[in-house]
Amino acid sequence: MGRYVLRRILGMIPTLAIISVISFVLIQLPPGDIVTSTLADLEQQGQQVTEERIAALRAMYHLDDSIPVQYLRWAGNFLTGNLGYSIRYQQPVSRLIWERIFLTVVIAMASILFTWVIAIPAGILSAVRQYSATDYSLTVLALLGMATPNFMLALVMMYLGYEWFGISVGGLFSPDFVDAPWSLARIGDLLKHVWVPMVILGLGGAAGMMRVLRANLLDELRKPYVVTARAKGVRPVRLILKYPVRLAINPFISTIGWMLPALFSGSAIISVVLDLPTTGPLLLEALMSQDMYLAGSFIMILSTLTVIGTLISDLLLAIVDPRIRYE
């Protein structure tokens, strides 16, 4: 097991290196750069910028260097913890990024837990009572959850919250805690608001995972070891939870890695709709303005979290399933 973990950790290094190259190249593909984008905004406002000022900005941010030189400088600074300076926001990238990354991870983790809490009992119940009224009802709800876009559900919840209860469900903090330092009161205020994006992001995933668990569990319930255990008088609840569910639940663990990027990408649209201070709106603005230091740092950090999530899911899968561990 130790050699397996070491091999996977060492494998993360070239993976992240390749991701960094691809990310940097994709950011550079659109024509122009952050300076030309900033100049276009200033011209729309009726302001004029001299050629000397433009040349000074390009020299300050090394935009006249070749792409390989820019990449090596950016990657070297990233490895040393220097995420660069955002031209768009005139702030260090680290100051802009860390709290938003933290809030995004909080929402993603809460959504994954919500997905599991809903999907596991519903999937088990639907499989055990196959073709019953309960099974059909859960199937209809699952299909509705999978078919409804997250942003549409967010708009519906915002409308119902305002019309029925007279409250706004947008944001993650009350006005008094938006810019306040972290404290127990601010954490409590966050918990009061985080359930809205948690439910919106988690419902679609819960619907899909419920169907996966139902299908896997039905396959396991038909296998000879289950029939033998029933013939020997093993209690139904113990039989289902101890053996078939342990094997059918593997997809929940193995999909942690790809659920993280799915939640991050899905939360971008939800964050815009609900006005959440997460990575989504800031990353979208950085990509549109070609702020390479901000956009590149976001993409690399999110990619790192995804690779780590995949490693965690593989390790948990090896712990839960002895067949994988022995292999």
Protein backbone atom coordinates (compact mmCIF):
# COMPACT_ATOMS: atom_id res chain seq x y z
CA MET A 1 0.00 0.00 0.00
CA GLY A 2 2.84 2.39 0.82
CA ARG A 3 4.51 1.79 -2.56
CA TYR A 4 1.17 2.39 -4.29
CA VAL A 5 0.69 5.72 -2.49
CA LEU A 6 4.25 6.82 -3.26
CA ARG A 7 3.86 5.88 -6.91
CA ARG A 8 0.62 7.86 -7.20
CA ILE A 9 2.10 10.92 -5.50
CA LEU A 10 5.13 10.86 -7.81
CA GLY A 11 2.77 10.50 -10.77
CA MET A 12 1.06 13.76 -9.78
CA ILE A 13 4.21 15.75 -10.60
CA PRO A 14 4.29 15.22 -14.40
CA THR A 15 0.49 15.44 -14.50
CA LEU A 16 0.50 18.91 -12.94
CA ALA A 17 3.43 19.96 -15.14
CA ILE A 18 1.48 19.04 -18.28
CA ILE A 19 -1.63 20.79 -16.93
CA SER A 20 0.40 23.95 -16.29
CA VAL A 21 1.69 24.02 -19.89
CA ILE A 22 -1.77 23.43 -21.36
CA SER A 23 -3.34 26.05 -19.07
CA PHE A 24 -0.76 28.69 -19.93
CA VAL A 25 -1.05 28.04 -23.67
CA LEU A 26 -4.86 28.22 -23.57
CA ILE A 27 -4.74 31.54 -21.72
CA GLN A 28 -2.39 32.91 -24.40
CA LEU A 29 -4.45 31.72 -27.39
CA PRO A 30 -6.94 34.63 -27.65
CA PRO A 31 -5.56 37.62 -29.58
CA GLY A 32 -4.10 40.44 -27.47
CA ASP A 33 -3.33 40.42 -23.78
CA ILE A 34 -4.30 42.12 -20.54
CA VAL A 35 -2.80 45.46 -21.64
CA THR A 36 -4.79 45.57 -24.90
CA SER A 37 -7.93 44.55 -23.01
CA THR A 38 -7.36 47.31 -20.44
CA LEU A 39 -6.72 49.87 -23.18
CA ALA A 40 -9.97 48.90 -24.91
CA ASP A 41 -11.87 49.51 -21.66
CA LEU A 42 -10.18 52.89 -21.18
CA GLU A 43 -10.97 53.94 -24.75
CA GLN A 44 -14.62 53.09 -24.23
CA GLN A 45 -14.55 55.43 -21.23
CA GLY A 46 -13.06 58.19 -23.37
CA GLN A 47 -9.58 58.10 -21.83
CA GLN A 48 -6.36 58.27 -23.83
CA VAL A 49 -3.14 56.44 -22.92
CA THR A 50 0.22 57.43 -24.36
CA GLU A 51 2.49 55.03 -26.20
CA GLU A 52 5.13 55.47 -23.48
CA ARG A 53 2.64 54.33 -20.85
CA ILE A 54 1.69 51.29 -22.93
CA ALA A 55 5.35 50.33 -23.44
CA ALA A 56 6.02 50.75 -19.72
CA LEU A 57 3.12 48.47 -18.80
CA ARG A 58 4.22 45.79 -21.25
CA ALA A 59 7.79 45.94 -19.95
CA MET A 60 6.65 45.87 -16.33
CA TYR A 61 4.72 42.63 -16.82
CA HIS A 62 7.21 41.10 -19.32
CA LEU A 63 4.55 40.81 -22.01
CA ASP A 64 7.08 41.40 -24.79
CA ASP A 65 9.00 38.24 -23.86
CA SER A 66 8.48 35.03 -25.80
CA ILE A 67 5.81 32.57 -24.67
CA PRO A 68 8.33 29.99 -23.32
CA VAL A 69 10.11 32.68 -21.28
CA GLN A 70 6.78 33.95 -19.89
CA TYR A 71 5.77 30.40 -18.98
CA LEU A 72 9.03 29.60 -17.21
CA ARG A 73 8.85 32.85 -15.23
CA TRP A 74 5.22 32.22 -14.28
CA ALA A 75 5.79 28.56 -13.35
CA GLY A 76 8.92 29.37 -11.35
CA ASN A 77 7.13 32.09 -9.38
CA PHE A 78 4.18 29.75 -8.80
CA LEU A 79 6.43 27.03 -7.34
CA THR A 80 7.93 29.56 -4.91
CA GLY A 81 4.49 30.73 -3.78
CA ASN A 82 4.58 34.00 -5.72
CA LEU A 83 1.31 33.96 -7.66
CA GLY A 84 2.00 37.26 -9.36
CA TYR A 85 0.14 40.56 -9.52
CA SER A 86 -3.31 41.04 -11.02
CA ILE A 87 -3.27 43.91 -13.49
CA ARG A 88 -7.06 43.97 -13.62
CA TYR A 89 -7.60 44.34 -9.88
CA GLN A 90 -4.28 45.98 -9.00
CA GLN A 91 -3.74 43.52 -6.14
CA PRO A 92 -1.53 40.50 -5.47
CA VAL A 93 -3.17 37.37 -6.82
CA SER A 94 -2.73 35.56 -3.49
CA ARG A 95 -4.84 38.19 -1.75
CA LEU A 96 -7.64 37.76 -4.27
CA ILE A 97 -7.59 34.02 -4.55
CA TRP A 98 -7.26 32.27 -1.20
CA GLU A 99 -10.51 33.21 0.51
CA ARG A 100 -12.45 32.50 -2.68
CA ILE A 101 -10.75 29.12 -3.03
CA PHE A 102 -11.64 28.35 0.59
CA LEU A 103 -15.30 29.27 0.10
CA THR A 104 -15.46 27.29 -3.14
CA VAL A 105 -14.02 24.20 -1.44
CA VAL A 106 -16.51 24.59 1.43
CA ILE A 107 -19.43 24.67 -1.02
CA ALA A 108 -18.02 21.74 -3.02
CA MET A 109 -17.49 19.56 0.07
CA ALA A 110 -20.93 20.43 1.43
CA SER A 111 -22.48 19.56 -1.95
CA ILE A 112 -20.68 16.19 -2.07
CA LEU A 113 -21.86 15.32 1.45
CA PHE A 114 -25.41 16.40 0.54
CA THR A 115 -25.22 14.24 -2.59
CA TRP A 116 -24.20 11.19 -0.58
CA VAL A 117 -26.76 11.74 2.19
CA ILE A 118 -29.56 11.91 -0.38
CA ALA A 119 -28.35 9.43 -2.99
CA ILE A 120 -27.26 6.48 -0.81
CA PRO A 121 -30.55 5.91 1.11
CA ALA A 122 -32.64 6.70 -1.98
CA GLY A 123 -30.61 4.34 -4.18
CA ILE A 124 -30.81 1.50 -1.65
CA LEU A 125 -34.55 1.97 -1.14
CA SER A 126 -35.18 2.13 -4.88
CA ALA A 127 -33.22 -1.10 -5.52
CA VAL A 128 -34.70 -3.06 -2.62
CA ARG A 129 -38.24 -2.10 -3.65
CA GLN A 130 -37.76 -2.50 -7.38
CA TYR A 131 -40.81 -1.68 -9.55
CA SER A 132 -42.80 -0.50 -6.55
CA ALA A 133 -44.53 2.88 -6.19
CA THR A 134 -41.53 4.06 -4.15
CA ASP A 135 -39.13 3.04 -6.90
CA TYR A 136 -41.15 4.80 -9.60
CA SER A 137 -41.52 7.95 -7.50
CA LEU A 138 -37.79 8.13 -6.78
CA THR A 139 -37.03 7.49 -10.45
CA VAL A 140 -39.25 10.39 -11.53
CA LEU A 141 -37.64 12.70 -8.97
CA ALA A 142 -34.18 11.57 -10.09
CA LEU A 143 -34.95 12.26 -13.74
CA LEU A 144 -36.31 15.70 -12.87
CA GLY A 145 -33.18 16.45 -10.85
CA MET A 146 -30.91 15.37 -13.70
CA ALA A 147 -32.87 17.30 -16.32
CA THR A 148 -33.16 20.62 -14.45
CA PRO A 149 -30.19 22.97 -15.03
CA ASN A 150 -28.55 24.23 -11.83
CA PHE A 151 -28.89 27.89 -12.79
CA MET A 152 -32.64 27.40 -13.43
CA LEU A 153 -33.06 25.85 -9.98
CA ALA A 154 -31.12 28.78 -8.49
CA LEU A 155 -33.44 31.29 -10.18
CA VAL A 156 -36.50 29.39 -8.96
CA MET A 157 -35.21 29.31 -5.37
CA MET A 158 -34.39 33.01 -5.50
CA TYR A 159 -37.91 33.79 -6.75
CA LEU A 160 -39.64 31.55 -4.20
CA GLY A 161 -37.49 32.85 -1.35
CA TYR A 162 -38.39 36.43 -2.18
CA GLU A 163 -42.08 35.84 -2.99
CA TRP A 164 -42.94 33.41 -0.20
CA PHE A 165 -40.61 34.43 2.61
CA GLY A 166 -39.53 37.94 1.65
CA ILE A 167 -35.82 37.08 1.92
CA SER A 168 -32.92 37.11 -0.50
CA VAL A 169 -31.11 33.78 -0.84
CA GLY A 170 -28.16 35.27 -2.70
CA GLY A 171 -24.66 35.63 -1.27
CA LEU A 172 -22.84 33.66 1.39
CA PHE A 173 -22.85 36.30 4.12
CA SER A 174 -25.18 38.86 5.62
CA PRO A 175 -24.25 42.50 4.89
CA ASP A 176 -22.67 42.87 8.35
CA PHE A 177 -20.27 39.95 7.74
CA VAL A 178 -19.25 40.48 4.09
CA ASP A 179 -15.97 42.24 4.90
CA ALA A 180 -15.68 41.21 8.55
CA PRO A 181 -12.68 39.16 9.77
CA TRP A 182 -13.20 35.47 10.42
CA SER A 183 -14.83 34.67 13.76
CA LEU A 184 -17.35 32.24 15.21
CA ALA A 185 -20.13 34.68 14.36
CA ARG A 186 -19.01 34.88 10.72
CA ILE A 187 -18.73 31.08 10.49
CA GLY A 188 -22.25 30.78 11.87
CA ASP A 189 -23.51 33.31 9.33
CA LEU A 190 -21.80 31.31 6.55
CA LEU A 191 -23.55 28.12 7.68
CA LYS A 192 -26.90 29.94 7.50
CA HIS A 193 -26.33 30.78 3.82
CA VAL A 194 -24.29 27.88 2.46
CA TRP A 195 -27.23 25.48 2.32
CA VAL A 196 -28.70 27.22 -0.74
CA PRO A 197 -25.79 26.57 -3.15
CA MET A 198 -25.24 23.20 -1.44
CA VAL A 199 -28.76 22.06 -2.32
CA ILE A 200 -28.66 23.52 -5.83
CA LEU A 201 -25.33 21.91 -6.73
CA GLY A 202 -26.02 18.66 -4.90
CA LEU A 203 -29.45 17.80 -6.29
CA GLY A 204 -28.27 17.03 -9.82
CA GLY A 205 -25.39 14.89 -8.58
CA ALA A 206 -27.62 13.11 -6.06
CA ALA A 207 -30.11 12.22 -8.80
CA GLY A 208 -27.43 10.72 -11.04
CA MET A 209 -25.64 8.85 -8.25
CA MET A 210 -28.92 7.42 -6.98
CA ARG A 211 -29.54 5.82 -10.36
CA VAL A 212 -25.97 4.45 -10.46
CA LEU A 213 -26.27 2.96 -6.98
CA ARG A 214 -29.65 1.43 -7.81
CA ALA A 215 -28.28 -0.27 -10.93
CA ASN A 216 -25.15 -1.58 -9.18
CA LEU A 217 -27.07 -2.80 -6.16
CA LEU A 218 -29.59 -4.67 -8.33
CA ASP A 219 -26.68 -6.49 -9.99
CA GLU A 220 -25.24 -7.44 -6.60
CA LEU A 221 -28.57 -8.61 -5.17
CA ARG A 222 -28.85 -11.21 -7.94
CA LYS A 223 -25.45 -12.79 -7.28
CA PRO A 224 -25.11 -16.25 -5.67
CA TYR A 225 -23.52 -15.06 -2.43
CA VAL A 226 -26.61 -12.98 -1.65
CA VAL A 227 -28.93 -15.87 -2.42
CA THR A 228 -26.81 -18.15 -0.21
CA ALA A 229 -26.80 -15.65 2.67
CA ARG A 230 -30.57 -15.35 2.47
CA ALA A 231 -30.95 -19.13 2.48
CA LYS A 232 -28.83 -19.31 5.64
CA GLY A 233 -31.14 -16.86 7.39
CA VAL A 234 -29.00 -13.71 7.48
CA ARG A 235 -31.16 -10.74 8.43
CA PRO A 236 -32.11 -8.68 5.32
CA VAL A 237 -30.86 -5.35 6.68
CA ARG A 238 -27.48 -6.78 7.75
CA LEU A 239 -27.16 -8.72 4.50
CA ILE A 240 -27.79 -5.69 2.27
CA LEU A 241 -25.69 -3.16 4.18
CA LYS A 242 -22.70 -5.38 4.92
CA TYR A 243 -22.14 -7.00 1.52
CA PRO A 244 -23.97 -5.72 -1.60
CA VAL A 245 -23.96 -2.05 -0.58
CA ARG A 246 -20.21 -2.11 0.14
CA LEU A 247 -19.56 -3.23 -3.42
CA ALA A 248 -22.23 -1.08 -5.07
CA ILE A 249 -21.01 2.06 -3.30
CA ASN A 250 -17.66 2.06 -5.13
CA PRO A 251 -18.80 4.65 -7.71
CA PHE A 252 -19.46 7.17 -4.92
CA ILE A 253 -15.85 6.92 -3.80
CA SER A 254 -14.22 6.64 -7.23
CA THR A 255 -16.01 9.75 -8.54
CA ILE A 256 -14.71 12.17 -5.90
CA GLY A 257 -11.95 13.20 -8.29
CA TRP A 258 -14.24 14.19 -11.14
CA MET A 259 -17.00 15.53 -8.90
CA LEU A 260 -14.68 18.31 -7.70
CA PRO A 261 -14.09 19.86 -11.16
CA ALA A 262 -17.76 19.32 -12.03
CA LEU A 263 -18.81 21.21 -8.90
CA PHE A 264 -16.25 23.95 -9.55
CA SER A 265 -17.44 24.46 -13.12
CA GLY A 266 -21.08 24.23 -12.11
CA SER A 267 -20.55 26.64 -9.23
CA ALA A 268 -19.22 29.26 -11.67
CA ILE A 269 -22.68 29.80 -13.19
CA ILE A 270 -24.39 29.42 -9.81
CA SER A 271 -22.01 31.95 -8.28
CA VAL A 272 -22.90 34.50 -10.95
CA VAL A 273 -26.63 33.92 -10.45
CA LEU A 274 -26.51 33.92 -6.64
CA ASP A 275 -23.72 36.54 -6.36
CA LEU A 276 -21.42 34.20 -4.41
CA PRO A 277 -17.85 35.32 -3.54
CA THR A 278 -16.32 32.13 -4.95
CA THR A 279 -13.82 31.38 -7.70
CA GLY A 280 -16.40 31.33 -10.49
CA PRO A 281 -17.04 35.04 -11.14
CA LEU A 282 -13.41 36.02 -10.53
CA LEU A 283 -12.09 33.29 -12.84
CA LEU A 284 -14.60 34.28 -15.53
CA GLU A 285 -13.54 37.92 -15.32
CA ALA A 286 -9.84 36.96 -15.37
CA LEU A 287 -10.31 34.87 -18.52
CA MET A 288 -12.32 37.57 -20.28
CA SER A 289 -9.75 40.26 -19.47
CA GLN A 290 -6.80 37.88 -20.16
CA ASP A 291 -5.31 38.54 -16.73
CA MET A 292 -2.87 35.63 -17.10
CA TYR A 293 -1.47 35.64 -13.57
CA LEU A 294 -4.90 35.53 -11.96
CA ALA A 295 -6.46 33.09 -14.44
CA GLY A 296 -3.40 30.82 -14.53
CA SER A 297 -3.16 30.66 -10.74
CA PHE A 298 -6.85 29.81 -10.45
CA ILE A 299 -6.63 27.04 -13.02
CA MET A 300 -3.51 25.54 -11.47
CA ILE A 301 -4.91 25.55 -7.94
CA LEU A 302 -8.21 24.01 -9.08
CA SER A 303 -6.29 21.41 -11.11
CA THR A 304 -4.16 20.58 -8.09
CA LEU A 305 -7.27 20.10 -5.97
CA THR A 306 -8.72 17.84 -8.66
CA VAL A 307 -5.59 15.67 -8.81
CA ILE A 308 -5.52 15.45 -5.01
CA GLY A 309 -9.22 14.53 -5.02
CA THR A 310 -8.52 11.73 -7.49
CA LEU A 311 -5.71 10.44 -5.26
CA ILE A 312 -7.96 10.50 -2.20
CA SER A 313 -10.73 8.65 -4.05
CA ASP A 314 -8.29 5.95 -5.20
CA LEU A 315 -6.94 5.48 -1.68
CA LEU A 316 -10.42 5.30 -0.17
CA LEU A 317 -11.48 2.84 -2.84
CA ALA A 318 -8.51 0.59 -2.00
CA ILE A 319 -9.44 0.73 1.70
CA VAL A 320 -13.15 -0.01 1.16
CA ASP A 321 -12.80 -2.73 -1.49
CA PRO A 322 -10.36 -5.53 -0.53
CA ARG A 323 -10.24 -6.76 -4.15
CA ILE A 324 -8.63 -3.52 -5.28
CA ARG A 325 -6.28 -3.46 -2.29
CA TYR A 326 -5.03 -6.97 -2.95
CA GLU A 327 -4.42 -6.16 -6.62
